[in-house]
Protein backbone atom coordinates (compact mmCIF):
# COMPACT_ATOMS: atom_id res chain seq x y z
CA UNK A 1 0.00 0.00 0.00
CA UNK A 2 1.35 3.44 -0.91
CA UNK A 3 2.21 5.81 1.93
CA UNK A 4 -0.60 8.22 1.17
CA UNK A 5 -3.20 5.44 1.12
CA UNK A 6 -1.80 3.98 4.32
CA UNK A 7 -2.06 7.34 6.02
CA UNK A 8 -5.63 7.66 4.78
CA UNK A 9 -6.76 4.51 6.57
CA UNK A 10 -9.45 2.27 5.13
CA UNK A 11 -10.01 2.91 1.41
CA UNK A 12 -13.57 2.86 0.47
CA UNK A 13 -36.96 30.51 -41.64
CA UNK A 14 -34.96 33.40 -42.25
CA UNK A 15 -31.70 32.46 -43.89
CA UNK A 16 -31.85 28.67 -43.97
CA UNK A 17 -30.60 27.30 -40.68
CA UNK A 18 -28.44 24.21 -40.95
CA UNK A 19 -29.05 21.89 -38.02
CA UNK A 20 -25.90 20.28 -36.72
CA UNK A 21 -25.73 16.79 -35.28
CA UNK A 22 -24.48 15.98 -31.82
CA UNK A 23 -20.77 15.82 -32.52
CA UNK A 24 -17.56 17.18 -31.12
CA UNK A 25 -17.81 20.10 -33.51
CA UNK A 26 -21.46 20.86 -32.82
CA UNK A 27 -20.91 20.65 -29.09
CA UNK A 28 -18.21 23.26 -29.36
CA UNK A 29 -20.57 25.39 -31.44
CA UNK A 30 -23.21 24.92 -28.77
CA UNK A 31 -20.99 25.79 -25.83
CA UNK A 32 -17.88 27.58 -26.99
CA UNK A 33 -19.69 30.15 -29.15
CA UNK A 34 -21.63 31.18 -26.05
CA UNK A 35 -18.82 33.27 -24.60
CA UNK A 36 -18.55 34.79 -21.16
CA UNK A 37 -19.58 38.44 -21.29
CA UNK A 38 -17.94 40.96 -19.03
CA UNK A 39 -19.91 43.91 -17.70
CA UNK A 40 -16.86 46.17 -17.80
CA UNK A 41 -16.37 45.56 -21.52
CA UNK A 42 -17.54 48.20 -23.94
CA UNK A 43 -20.70 46.78 -25.44
CA UNK A 44 -20.77 46.79 -29.23
CA UNK A 45 -23.99 47.69 -30.97
CA UNK A 46 -26.26 44.81 -31.83
CA UNK A 47 -27.64 45.34 -35.32
CA UNK A 48 -31.15 43.96 -35.73
CA UNK A 49 -32.22 43.15 -39.25
CA UNK A 50 -33.79 40.42 -41.33
CA UNK A 51 -31.31 37.81 -40.13
CA UNK A 52 -31.34 36.31 -36.64
CA UNK A 53 -29.72 37.76 -33.56
CA UNK A 54 -27.44 35.36 -31.69
CA UNK A 55 -27.51 33.96 -28.18
CA UNK A 56 -24.63 36.28 -27.34
CA UNK A 57 -26.56 39.24 -28.77
CA UNK A 58 -29.42 38.42 -26.41
CA UNK A 59 -27.07 38.30 -23.43
CA UNK A 60 -25.34 41.53 -24.46
CA UNK A 61 -28.56 43.50 -24.79
CA UNK A 62 -30.58 41.88 -22.01
CA UNK A 63 -27.94 41.59 -19.32
CA UNK A 64 -25.29 44.13 -20.21
CA UNK A 65 -27.27 46.93 -21.86
CA UNK A 66 -25.67 46.83 -25.30
CA UNK A 67 -27.35 49.34 -27.64
CA UNK A 68 -29.37 48.17 -30.62
CA UNK A 69 -29.40 49.56 -34.13
CA UNK A 70 -31.94 48.81 -36.84
CA UNK A 71 -30.70 47.75 -40.24
CA UNK A 72 -31.89 50.23 -42.88
CA UNK A 73 -32.48 47.64 -45.59
CA UNK A 74 -34.59 45.58 -43.19
CA UNK A 75 -36.67 48.65 -42.42
CA UNK A 76 -37.43 48.88 -46.13
CA UNK A 77 -38.81 45.35 -46.03
CA UNK A 78 -40.85 46.26 -42.97
CA UNK A 79 -42.36 49.18 -44.90
CA UNK A 80 -43.12 46.94 -47.89
CA UNK A 81 -45.05 44.42 -45.82
CA UNK A 82 -46.91 47.25 -44.11
CA UNK A 83 -48.13 48.51 -47.48
CA UNK A 84 -49.55 45.06 -48.11
CA UNK A 85 -51.43 45.13 -44.79
CA UNK A 86 -52.80 48.60 -45.57
CA UNK A 87 -54.14 47.25 -48.87
CA UNK A 88 -55.87 44.33 -47.20
CA UNK A 89 -57.35 46.64 -44.58
CA UNK A 90 -59.38 48.35 -47.31
CA UNK A 91 -60.63 45.02 -48.70
CA UNK A 92 -64.33 44.38 -47.93
CA UNK A 93 -63.47 40.70 -47.43
CA UNK A 94 -62.45 39.86 -43.83
CA UNK A 95 -58.80 39.06 -43.10
CA UNK A 96 -57.83 37.56 -39.75
CA UNK A 97 -56.15 40.00 -37.40
CA UNK A 98 -56.54 42.85 -39.88
CA UNK A 99 -60.29 43.28 -40.12
CA UNK A 100 -61.51 40.61 -37.68
CA UNK A 101 -61.41 39.86 -33.99
CA UNK A 102 -58.99 37.37 -32.45
CA UNK A 103 -58.98 33.85 -31.04
CA UNK A 104 -62.51 32.67 -30.51
CA UNK A 105 -63.70 35.95 -32.14
CA UNK A 106 -61.73 35.33 -35.35
CA UNK A 107 -64.90 35.26 -37.46
CA UNK A 108 -66.19 38.63 -36.22
CA UNK A 109 -65.76 41.41 -38.83
CA UNK A 110 -64.61 44.76 -37.43
CA UNK A 111 -65.50 47.99 -39.18
CA UNK A 112 -62.63 50.25 -40.26
CA UNK A 113 -63.32 53.01 -37.75
CA UNK A 114 -63.08 50.55 -34.84
CA UNK A 115 -59.84 48.79 -35.74
CA UNK A 116 -57.42 51.09 -33.96
CA UNK A 117 -59.51 50.63 -30.83
CA UNK A 118 -59.47 46.87 -31.48
CA UNK A 119 -55.67 46.74 -31.50
CA UNK A 120 -55.29 48.87 -28.38
CA UNK A 121 -58.01 46.89 -26.59
CA UNK A 122 -56.22 43.67 -27.48
CA UNK A 123 -53.03 44.86 -25.83
CA UNK A 124 -54.79 46.27 -22.76
CA UNK A 125 -56.91 43.19 -22.14
CA UNK A 126 -54.01 40.79 -22.65
CA UNK A 127 -51.73 42.68 -20.26
CA UNK A 128 -53.30 40.63 -17.47
CA UNK A 129 -50.25 39.21 -15.75
CA UNK A 130 -50.05 38.73 -12.01
CA UNK A 131 -47.42 38.10 -9.39
CA UNK A 132 -43.96 39.55 -8.79
CA UNK A 133 -42.03 41.33 -11.51
CA UNK A 134 -39.77 39.15 -13.63
CA UNK A 135 -36.11 40.02 -13.86
CA UNK A 136 -35.03 42.99 -15.95
CA UNK A 137 -32.86 40.82 -18.19
CA UNK A 138 -35.78 38.54 -19.04
CA UNK A 139 -37.96 41.46 -20.10
CA UNK A 140 -35.16 43.02 -22.15
CA UNK A 141 -34.48 39.68 -23.84
CA UNK A 142 -38.17 39.39 -24.69
CA UNK A 143 -38.18 42.93 -26.13
CA UNK A 144 -35.11 42.32 -28.29
CA UNK A 145 -36.50 39.07 -29.68
CA UNK A 146 -39.88 40.58 -30.51
CA UNK A 147 -38.04 43.44 -32.22
CA UNK A 148 -36.00 40.89 -34.17
CA UNK A 149 -39.20 39.28 -35.45
CA UNK A 150 -40.69 42.66 -36.35
CA UNK A 151 -37.59 43.41 -38.42
CA UNK A 152 -38.04 40.31 -40.59
CA UNK A 153 -40.72 42.11 -42.56
CA UNK A 154 -43.06 39.18 -42.00
CA UNK A 155 -45.36 40.79 -39.41
CA UNK A 156 -46.79 43.80 -41.23
CA UNK A 157 -46.03 46.44 -38.59
CA UNK A 158 -45.05 50.02 -39.33
CA UNK A 159 -41.38 50.97 -39.24
CA UNK A 160 -41.96 53.35 -36.36
CA UNK A 161 -43.28 50.46 -34.27
CA UNK A 162 -39.95 48.67 -34.54
CA UNK A 163 -38.13 51.95 -33.89
CA UNK A 164 -40.11 52.44 -30.68
CA UNK A 165 -39.02 49.04 -29.35
CA UNK A 166 -35.41 49.89 -30.16
CA UNK A 167 -35.79 53.27 -28.46
CA UNK A 168 -37.10 51.72 -25.24
CA UNK A 169 -34.21 49.27 -25.14
CA UNK A 170 -31.63 51.97 -25.75
CA UNK A 171 -33.18 54.25 -23.12
CA UNK A 172 -33.05 51.45 -20.55
CA UNK A 173 -36.82 51.57 -20.06
CA UNK A 174 -38.08 48.19 -18.86
CA UNK A 175 -41.82 47.48 -18.81
CA UNK A 176 -43.12 45.71 -15.72
CA UNK A 177 -43.85 42.10 -16.69
CA UNK A 178 -45.46 39.79 -14.15
CA UNK A 179 -44.55 36.20 -13.24
CA UNK A 180 -47.84 34.59 -14.27
CA UNK A 181 -49.91 35.01 -17.41
CA UNK A 182 -48.29 33.01 -20.20
CA UNK A 183 -49.37 29.53 -21.25
CA UNK A 184 -46.78 29.42 -24.01
CA UNK A 185 -49.40 29.42 -26.79
CA UNK A 186 -50.20 31.66 -28.64
CA UNK A 187 -46.69 32.41 -27.51
CA UNK A 188 -46.11 34.52 -24.41
CA UNK A 189 -49.23 36.63 -24.74
CA UNK A 190 -49.43 38.35 -21.36
CA UNK A 191 -45.71 39.18 -20.98
CA UNK A 192 -45.53 40.54 -24.53
CA UNK A 193 -48.71 42.53 -23.93
CA UNK A 194 -47.21 44.25 -20.89
CA UNK A 195 -44.31 45.36 -23.10
CA UNK A 196 -46.60 46.50 -25.91
CA UNK A 197 -48.73 48.42 -23.41
CA UNK A 198 -45.69 50.40 -22.28
CA UNK A 199 -45.00 51.31 -25.91
CA UNK A 200 -48.50 52.81 -26.00
CA UNK A 201 -47.52 54.98 -23.03
CA UNK A 202 -49.65 52.96 -20.62
CA UNK A 203 -48.91 50.68 -17.68
CA UNK A 204 -45.81 50.72 -15.51
CA UNK A 205 -42.11 50.62 -16.30
CA UNK A 206 -38.78 51.00 -14.57
CA UNK A 207 -36.39 53.56 -15.94
CA UNK A 208 -32.67 53.00 -16.46
CA UNK A 209 -32.09 53.63 -12.75
CA UNK A 210 -34.68 51.06 -11.74
CA UNK A 211 -37.25 53.59 -10.56
CA UNK A 212 -40.87 52.47 -10.95
CA UNK A 213 -43.01 55.00 -12.80
CA UNK A 214 -45.90 55.32 -15.26
CA UNK A 215 -44.88 54.44 -18.80
CA UNK A 216 -46.14 57.78 -20.04
CA UNK A 217 -43.69 59.64 -17.80
CA UNK A 218 -40.74 57.46 -18.77
CA UNK A 219 -41.43 57.81 -22.49
CA UNK A 220 -41.84 61.57 -22.16
CA UNK A 221 -38.55 61.89 -20.29
CA UNK A 222 -36.78 59.86 -22.99
CA UNK A 223 -38.38 61.78 -25.84
CA UNK A 224 -40.23 58.72 -27.15
CA UNK A 225 -43.63 59.24 -28.77
CA UNK A 226 -46.19 56.60 -27.68
CA UNK A 227 -47.35 54.27 -30.42
CA UNK A 228 -50.74 54.46 -32.12
CA UNK A 229 -51.40 51.01 -33.46
CA UNK A 230 -52.74 50.30 -36.93
CA UNK A 231 -54.41 47.17 -38.26
CA UNK A 232 -52.73 43.92 -37.15
CA UNK A 233 -50.04 45.66 -35.12
CA UNK A 234 -51.39 44.74 -31.70
CA UNK A 235 -51.47 41.10 -32.71
CA UNK A 236 -47.93 41.28 -34.14
CA UNK A 237 -46.57 42.66 -30.87
CA UNK A 238 -47.90 39.92 -28.61
CA UNK A 239 -47.87 36.71 -30.65
CA UNK A 240 -44.50 35.00 -30.20
CA UNK A 241 -42.28 32.72 -28.15
CA UNK A 242 -39.95 35.56 -27.20
CA UNK A 243 -40.21 35.25 -23.42
CA UNK A 244 -39.38 31.56 -23.28
CA UNK A 245 -36.74 31.95 -26.02
CA UNK A 246 -35.13 34.82 -24.14
CA UNK A 247 -34.89 32.69 -21.00
CA UNK A 248 -33.48 29.80 -23.04
CA UNK A 249 -30.80 32.07 -24.55
CA UNK A 250 -29.76 33.39 -21.15
CA UNK A 251 -29.76 29.86 -19.74
CA UNK A 252 -27.53 28.53 -22.52
CA UNK A 253 -24.99 31.23 -21.75
CA UNK A 254 -25.04 30.48 -18.03
CA UNK A 255 -24.98 26.70 -18.34
CA UNK A 256 -21.99 26.91 -20.68
CA UNK A 257 -20.06 28.53 -17.84
CA UNK A 258 -21.37 26.08 -15.24
CA UNK A 259 -20.47 22.94 -17.16
CA UNK A 260 -16.87 24.05 -17.39
CA UNK A 261 -16.95 24.98 -13.73
CA UNK A 262 -18.37 21.64 -12.63
CA UNK A 263 -15.56 19.87 -14.51
CA UNK A 264 -13.19 22.03 -12.48
CA UNK A 265 -15.00 21.22 -9.24
CA UNK A 266 -14.98 17.50 -9.99
CA UNK A 267 -11.25 17.60 -10.74
CA UNK A 268 -10.57 19.33 -7.41
CA UNK A 269 -12.65 16.66 -5.69
CA UNK A 270 -10.66 13.90 -7.36
CA UNK A 271 -7.49 15.53 -6.04
CA UNK A 272 -8.80 16.19 -2.57
CA UNK A 273 -10.25 12.69 -2.16
CA UNK A 274 -7.08 10.98 -3.43
CA UNK A 275 -8.86 9.74 -6.54
CA UNK A 276 -7.28 8.60 -9.76
CA UNK A 277 -7.15 10.40 -13.08
CA UNK A 278 -6.41 7.20 -15.03
CA UNK A 279 -10.09 6.59 -15.72
CA UNK A 280 -10.24 9.83 -17.72
CA UNK A 281 -7.71 8.58 -20.29
CA UNK A 282 -8.61 9.45 -23.87
CA UNK A 283 -8.53 5.85 -25.10
CA UNK A 284 -10.96 4.75 -22.39
CA UNK A 285 -13.33 7.59 -23.22
CA UNK A 286 -13.12 6.77 -26.94
CA UNK A 287 -14.63 3.37 -26.22
CA UNK A 288 -17.88 5.23 -25.65
CA UNK A 289 -17.78 8.04 -28.22
CA UNK A 290 -20.23 10.45 -26.65
CA UNK A 291 -19.14 13.96 -27.63
CA UNK A 292 -19.82 15.69 -24.34
CA UNK A 293 -18.21 12.94 -22.31
CA UNK A 294 -14.99 13.26 -24.32
CA UNK A 295 -14.79 17.00 -23.69
CA UNK A 296 -15.54 16.73 -19.97
CA UNK A 297 -12.95 13.99 -19.56
CA UNK A 298 -10.39 16.07 -21.44
CA UNK A 299 -11.02 18.98 -19.10
CA UNK A 300 -10.53 16.80 -16.03
CA UNK A 301 -7.49 15.10 -17.53
CA UNK A 302 -5.86 18.43 -18.34
CA UNK A 303 -6.68 19.92 -14.95
CA UNK A 304 -5.13 16.99 -13.09
CA UNK A 305 -1.96 16.76 -15.20
CA UNK A 306 1.11 17.14 -13.03
CA UNK A 307 -0.77 16.97 -9.73
CA UNK A 308 1.54 15.96 -6.86
CA UNK A 309 -1.45 14.67 -4.93
CA UNK A 310 -2.53 12.37 -7.74
CA UNK A 311 1.04 11.23 -8.35
CA UNK A 312 1.57 10.50 -4.65
CA UNK A 313 -0.64 7.43 -4.75
CA UNK A 314 -0.15 6.15 -8.29
CA UNK A 315 2.68 3.75 -7.53
CA UNK A 316 2.46 -0.05 -7.59
CA UNK A 317 2.06 -0.08 -3.83
CA UNK A 318 -1.39 1.52 -4.04
CA UNK A 319 -4.04 -1.16 -3.58
CA UNK A 320 -7.04 1.02 -4.33
CA UNK A 321 -9.00 -0.42 -7.24
CA UNK A 322 -11.53 2.21 -8.26
CA UNK A 323 -13.22 5.38 -7.10
CA UNK A 324 -16.89 5.94 -6.34
CA UNK A 325 -19.21 6.77 -9.22
CA UNK A 326 -19.42 10.45 -8.27
CA UNK A 327 -15.70 10.72 -9.11
CA UNK A 328 -15.18 8.05 -11.76
CA UNK A 329 -18.33 8.82 -13.75
CA UNK A 330 -18.21 12.61 -13.51
CA UNK A 331 -17.33 13.09 -17.21
CA UNK A 332 -20.20 10.84 -18.24
CA UNK A 333 -22.82 12.85 -16.35
CA UNK A 334 -21.29 16.25 -17.07
CA UNK A 335 -20.86 15.18 -20.69
CA UNK A 336 -24.47 14.09 -21.04
CA UNK A 337 -25.46 17.53 -19.80
CA UNK A 338 -23.25 19.06 -22.48
CA UNK A 339 -24.95 16.99 -25.18
CA UNK A 340 -28.31 18.18 -23.87
CA UNK A 341 -27.05 21.76 -24.15
CA UNK A 342 -26.01 21.11 -27.74
CA UNK A 343 -29.52 19.98 -28.63
CA UNK A 344 -31.01 22.97 -26.83
CA UNK A 345 -28.60 25.28 -28.64
CA UNK A 346 -29.70 23.87 -32.00
CA UNK A 347 -33.34 24.48 -31.11
CA UNK A 348 -32.53 28.01 -29.95
CA UNK A 349 -30.66 28.75 -33.18
CA UNK A 350 -33.63 27.64 -35.25
CA UNK A 351 -36.03 29.67 -33.12
CA UNK A 352 -33.81 32.76 -33.29
CA UNK A 353 -33.95 32.42 -37.08
CA UNK A 354 -37.76 32.26 -37.04
CA UNK A 355 -40.44 34.86 -37.77
CA UNK A 356 -43.18 33.89 -35.34
CA UNK A 357 -46.50 35.68 -35.78
CA UNK A 358 -50.10 34.84 -36.65
CA UNK A 359 -51.14 35.73 -39.25
CA UNK A 360 -47.80 36.10 -41.00
CA UNK A 361 -46.88 37.93 -44.20
CA UNK A 362 -45.21 35.38 -46.48
CA UNK A 363 -42.30 36.14 -48.79
CA UNK A 364 -44.59 36.07 -51.82
CA UNK A 365 -47.05 38.52 -50.25
CA UNK A 366 -49.75 36.27 -48.82
CA UNK A 367 -51.14 36.81 -45.33
CA UNK A 368 -51.66 33.39 -43.80
CA UNK A 369 -52.78 32.00 -40.49
CA UNK A 370 -50.45 29.42 -38.98
CA UNK A 371 -49.51 27.65 -35.76
CA UNK A 372 -45.84 28.59 -35.49
CA UNK A 373 -46.44 30.40 -32.22
CA UNK A 374 -46.81 27.12 -30.30
CA UNK A 375 -43.95 26.94 -27.82
CA UNK A 376 -43.38 23.16 -27.75
CA UNK A 377 -39.87 23.13 -29.30
CA UNK A 378 -38.58 25.67 -26.81
CA UNK A 379 -40.57 24.29 -23.88
CA UNK A 380 -39.18 20.79 -24.34
CA UNK A 381 -35.54 21.85 -24.26
CA UNK A 382 -36.12 24.15 -21.30
CA UNK A 383 -37.39 21.09 -19.46
CA UNK A 384 -34.55 18.91 -20.75
CA UNK A 385 -32.03 21.40 -19.38
CA UNK A 386 -33.72 21.44 -15.97
CA UNK A 387 -33.32 17.65 -15.81
CA UNK A 388 -29.63 17.89 -16.71
CA UNK A 389 -29.06 20.67 -14.18
CA UNK A 390 -30.65 18.60 -11.41
CA UNK A 391 -28.52 15.55 -12.17
CA UNK A 392 -25.24 17.46 -12.41
CA UNK A 393 -26.02 19.09 -9.06
CA UNK A 394 -26.97 15.75 -7.52
CA UNK A 395 -23.59 14.23 -8.39
CA UNK A 396 -21.78 17.35 -7.16
CA UNK A 397 -23.54 17.08 -3.80
CA UNK A 398 -22.45 13.44 -3.47
CA UNK A 399 -18.82 14.52 -3.79
CA UNK A 400 -19.38 17.14 -1.08
CA UNK A 401 -20.79 14.52 1.25
CA UNK A 402 -17.88 12.15 0.57
CA UNK A 403 -15.40 14.79 1.74
CA UNK A 404 -17.17 15.13 5.08
CA UNK A 405 -17.45 11.43 5.96
CA UNK A 406 -14.29 10.20 7.70
CA UNK A 407 -14.99 6.64 6.56
CA UNK A 408 -14.84 7.69 2.91
CA UNK A 409 -12.62 10.79 2.71
CA UNK A 410 -9.29 8.94 2.98
CA UNK A 411 -7.78 10.44 6.08
CA UNK A 412 -9.36 13.89 6.36
CA UNK A 413 -11.01 15.02 9.62
CA UNK A 414 -14.77 14.54 9.96
CA UNK A 415 -16.66 17.37 8.25
CA UNK A 416 -13.24 18.93 7.54
CA UNK A 417 -13.50 20.41 11.02
CA UNK A 418 -10.56 22.27 12.57
CA UNK A 419 -11.02 20.81 16.06
CA UNK A 420 -13.12 17.68 15.92
CA UNK A 421 -15.83 17.73 18.58
CA UNK A 422 -15.64 21.49 19.03
CA UNK A 423 -16.04 22.59 15.41
CA UNK A 424 -18.76 21.47 12.99
CA UNK A 425 -16.75 22.31 9.90
CA UNK A 426 -18.75 22.13 6.68
CA UNK A 427 -21.54 19.95 8.06
CA UNK A 428 -24.32 22.45 7.43
CA UNK A 429 -22.89 23.63 4.13
CA UNK A 430 -23.62 20.10 2.92
CA UNK A 431 -27.16 20.41 4.32
CA UNK A 432 -27.58 23.52 2.19
CA UNK A 433 -26.40 21.70 -0.91
CA UNK A 434 -28.67 18.75 -0.15
CA UNK A 435 -31.68 21.04 0.30
CA UNK A 436 -30.98 22.74 -3.02
CA UNK A 437 -30.59 19.40 -4.82
CA UNK A 438 -33.92 18.25 -3.43
CA UNK A 439 -35.51 21.42 -4.79
CA UNK A 440 -33.82 20.90 -8.17
CA UNK A 441 -35.36 17.45 -8.43
CA UNK A 442 -38.80 19.00 -7.97
CA UNK A 443 -37.97 21.68 -10.56
CA UNK A 444 -36.93 18.93 -12.99
CA UNK A 445 -40.54 17.81 -13.34
CA UNK A 446 -41.42 18.98 -16.86
CA UNK A 447 -43.82 21.87 -17.31
CA UNK A 448 -44.35 20.96 -20.96
CA UNK A 449 -46.30 17.79 -20.19
CA UNK A 450 -49.15 19.94 -18.88
CA UNK A 451 -51.78 21.69 -20.96
CA UNK A 452 -54.87 23.63 -19.88
CA UNK A 453 -57.20 24.67 -22.74
CA UNK A 454 -58.08 28.34 -23.06
CA UNK A 455 -59.94 30.86 -25.24
CA UNK A 456 -63.18 28.90 -25.35
CA UNK A 457 -61.34 25.76 -26.53
CA UNK A 458 -59.86 27.54 -29.57
CA UNK A 459 -56.46 27.26 -27.92
CA UNK A 460 -57.03 23.70 -26.73
CA UNK A 461 -53.39 22.67 -26.34
CA UNK A 462 -50.68 24.89 -24.90
CA UNK A 463 -46.95 24.43 -24.24
CA UNK A 464 -46.38 25.92 -20.77
CA UNK A 465 -42.98 27.01 -22.09
CA UNK A 466 -42.91 30.20 -20.03
CA UNK A 467 -43.30 28.13 -16.85
CA UNK A 468 -40.49 25.84 -18.05
CA UNK A 469 -38.26 28.87 -18.48
CA UNK A 470 -39.11 30.29 -15.09
CA UNK A 471 -38.25 27.08 -13.25
CA UNK A 472 -35.05 26.61 -15.26
CA UNK A 473 -33.81 30.00 -14.10
CA UNK A 474 -34.32 28.93 -10.50
CA UNK A 475 -32.62 25.60 -11.22
CA UNK A 476 -29.55 27.32 -12.68
CA UNK A 477 -29.27 29.48 -9.59
CA UNK A 478 -29.39 26.32 -7.47
CA UNK A 479 -26.70 24.60 -9.54
CA UNK A 480 -24.42 27.60 -9.13
CA UNK A 481 -24.76 27.29 -5.36
CA UNK A 482 -24.17 23.54 -5.21
CA UNK A 483 -21.05 23.84 -7.37
CA UNK A 484 -19.84 26.69 -5.15
CA UNK A 485 -20.20 24.51 -2.05
CA UNK A 486 -18.32 21.68 -3.75
CA UNK A 487 -15.51 24.09 -4.64
CA UNK A 488 -15.42 25.40 -1.08
CA UNK A 489 -15.29 21.84 0.24
CA UNK A 490 -12.69 20.51 -2.18
CA UNK A 491 -10.39 23.50 -1.72
CA UNK A 492 -10.51 23.05 2.05
CA UNK A 493 -9.91 19.32 1.68
CA UNK A 494 -6.88 19.90 -0.55
CA UNK A 495 -5.49 22.44 1.92
CA UNK A 496 -5.74 19.81 4.64
CA UNK A 497 -3.57 17.45 2.57
CA UNK A 498 -0.49 19.63 3.23
CA UNK A 499 2.40 19.25 2.71
CA UNK A 500 0.99 17.77 -0.50
CA UNK A 501 -0.50 20.41 -2.75
CA UNK A 502 -2.64 20.69 -5.86
CA UNK A 503 -1.19 20.50 -9.36
CA UNK A 504 -0.10 23.41 -11.54
CA UNK A 505 -3.48 23.69 -13.23
CA UNK A 506 -5.58 23.49 -10.07
CA UNK A 507 -3.43 25.16 -7.40
CA UNK A 508 -4.19 28.71 -8.64
CA UNK A 509 -7.88 27.85 -8.39
CA UNK A 510 -7.46 26.50 -4.87
CA UNK A 511 -5.56 29.65 -3.91
CA UNK A 512 -8.35 31.80 -5.34
CA UNK A 513 -10.95 29.80 -3.43
CA UNK A 514 -9.00 29.95 -0.18
CA UNK A 515 -8.79 33.72 -0.55
CA UNK A 516 -12.58 33.78 -1.05
CA UNK A 517 -13.32 31.81 2.12
CA UNK A 518 -12.26 28.18 1.68
CA UNK A 519 -9.36 28.51 4.13
CA UNK A 520 -9.34 25.82 6.86
CA UNK A 521 -9.66 26.99 10.44
CA UNK A 522 -12.03 27.26 13.39
CA UNK A 523 -15.74 27.58 12.71
CA UNK A 524 -16.88 30.97 11.46
CA UNK A 525 -19.93 32.54 9.82
CA UNK A 526 -20.11 30.42 6.64
CA UNK A 527 -22.79 32.11 4.55
CA UNK A 528 -20.62 35.02 3.33
CA UNK A 529 -17.91 32.58 2.23
CA UNK A 530 -20.44 30.55 0.25
CA UNK A 531 -21.91 33.65 -1.37
CA UNK A 532 -18.50 34.98 -2.40
CA UNK A 533 -17.73 31.70 -4.17
CA UNK A 534 -21.21 31.65 -5.74
CA UNK A 535 -20.32 35.00 -7.31
CA UNK A 536 -17.08 33.57 -8.71
CA UNK A 537 -19.02 30.67 -10.19
CA UNK A 538 -21.92 32.69 -11.62
CA UNK A 539 -19.73 35.21 -13.42
CA UNK A 540 -17.25 32.65 -14.70
CA UNK A 541 -14.42 34.52 -13.01
CA UNK A 542 -13.15 31.38 -11.29
CA UNK A 543 -12.43 29.81 -14.68
CA UNK A 544 -9.84 32.52 -15.27
CA UNK A 545 -7.78 31.27 -12.32
CA UNK A 546 -6.60 28.10 -14.05
CA UNK A 547 -3.80 28.58 -16.60
CA UNK A 548 -5.44 26.21 -19.06
CA UNK A 549 -8.43 26.94 -21.27
CA UNK A 550 -11.33 24.63 -20.53
CA UNK A 551 -13.51 23.50 -23.42
C-alpha cells in the first residue's frame, strides 16, 4: 500500500438554418460560441435586421445593456409588408387580425373606424399578468426578440413600431412584466402585452435607474412618442415565443459557464479525495464516443496533469482499485449535460432564425394564419435542461458529502473540522447543498407535459414554455450554489492534505478559493464565504484562475 493510502486509513426561416448533429464540432458550437460576457467591456452595438440575432446578442442587450441599431435595408422590407397590410385593410373581405377579432372571435368582422380601438383593446386586455415582476434581463431579452421578429418584414407592422421598441431598449426603459400570465401558446401573450402596453404609453415601467413610474412619464422623459397602433399591429406585438426563447438564450450562456466549472469542481474533488485520473484517459473515453463525455474527460485530464497529490498514490504499492461513481463517472454525467445543451442550442438557433406571428406575411405577399407560435420546441428543451441541471447538481452534492465522511474521505477530519468535537466544519454547508438538490429534483418535473385549454377551446393545447423557463432559471441558480459549495469543500480538503498540494493547473484555483473563504480553520460565519464563491461561479471569473483553457 502506498504511503498516502496507508495514512488515509481504510479505502472505500430566415436564412436557412443548418441543423448540426451531436458531434464534437457541434458541441463546441453549442458551448464555446456562447462566450462569457464581461460587464466592464464596452458593449458593441447589436444590429437587428432580417437575419437572426445570436444567443450572445441576447445576453449583451438583455444583461449588459448593449445598444441596438436597426438595419436600414430591413426597415425597407418592414415598410413593404406594411403597405400590403394597408391594402388588405381596405378590402371588404375579412382578413384575420386585420379586419376581424382574435382567437374565438376570429370570425367577427370589425368595421374600419373601430380597428385602432381593437388593437389597443387587445393589448390592454391581454396585459393581465399577475405576481412579482420578472427580472429585468428577461424582459429586455423578450423585447429584443420581438423586435427581431418585427424586423423580418413578415409581421406587417409600421417601421416606427420597430423603432419604438429599439428606443425603449436603448433608453433602458423596462416594462413591468409579471410572473404569471403566459401559457406558451399563442406564444407569451401576457408578458408581450405588458411590453406593448408600455410602448403605447400605458402601464408601468422601470427607468434605467430602476425607478418604478408610469410608462407615459418614462417615455416623455426619454423623448419617445407613444405608439398608435394600426391594423394587425397589436397582434404582431404579442404573438411569439420571445419570453421563453429569451430565458433559453440566457440559460444557454449560463450553463456553458457552469459545465466548465463543474468539470473544475470534480477535478478538485478527485485531487482532494485521493482519486485517480487514469479513468479519464482518452482511449478509455473513446470506447464510448459520446461527444460531451470526451470534452468533460479532457477537461478533467488536463486539470489533473502534473498533480503531486494524484502522483503521490499512483505507484504499484497503491491497492485502491476504483473510485466511487461520483468521481469516476463525472465526465459521463457532465458530458451528457453538455450533449443536452447542444440539442437545446440547435433548437434556440432555429427559433432565433424564425419569424413567429399569426397571421404572418409570407415572402410572396400572402397573409396566412399558422400555428408557429406554439412553444413546444422551446418548452421541451427548457425542461430537458432542468433535468440535466438537477442531475449534475446531484452528483456534485455526493462529492461534497464524501469529503465530510471520515470513513470515505481517505484520512481527512470529519466534516473537515478544525477541532473535531468542538467545530462542525462544513456539516451544514452540505445540508444547504442537499436542500438545493432536493428542490432541483422538484424543478426537474417537466412543465411541458401539462396543458390547460383556453380561449373557449380555440387554444385547446398549450406548451407551458414560459413556466419551463421560469423554473429553469431557478434551477440554474441552485446549480451555481451547489457547485460553489463543492468548490469550497474541495479547496478546504486539498489544503488539509499539506504538505501535498494541488497541481499546476488546479493550485491557482485552490488559492483563489482559499482567498474567497475556503481557508481551513475554526468555525466561522459560513454564509458570506459561500456567497463569495457563488459569485465567482456565476460570473465565470473562477475559470480565469486556471492557466489552461477549458472546453
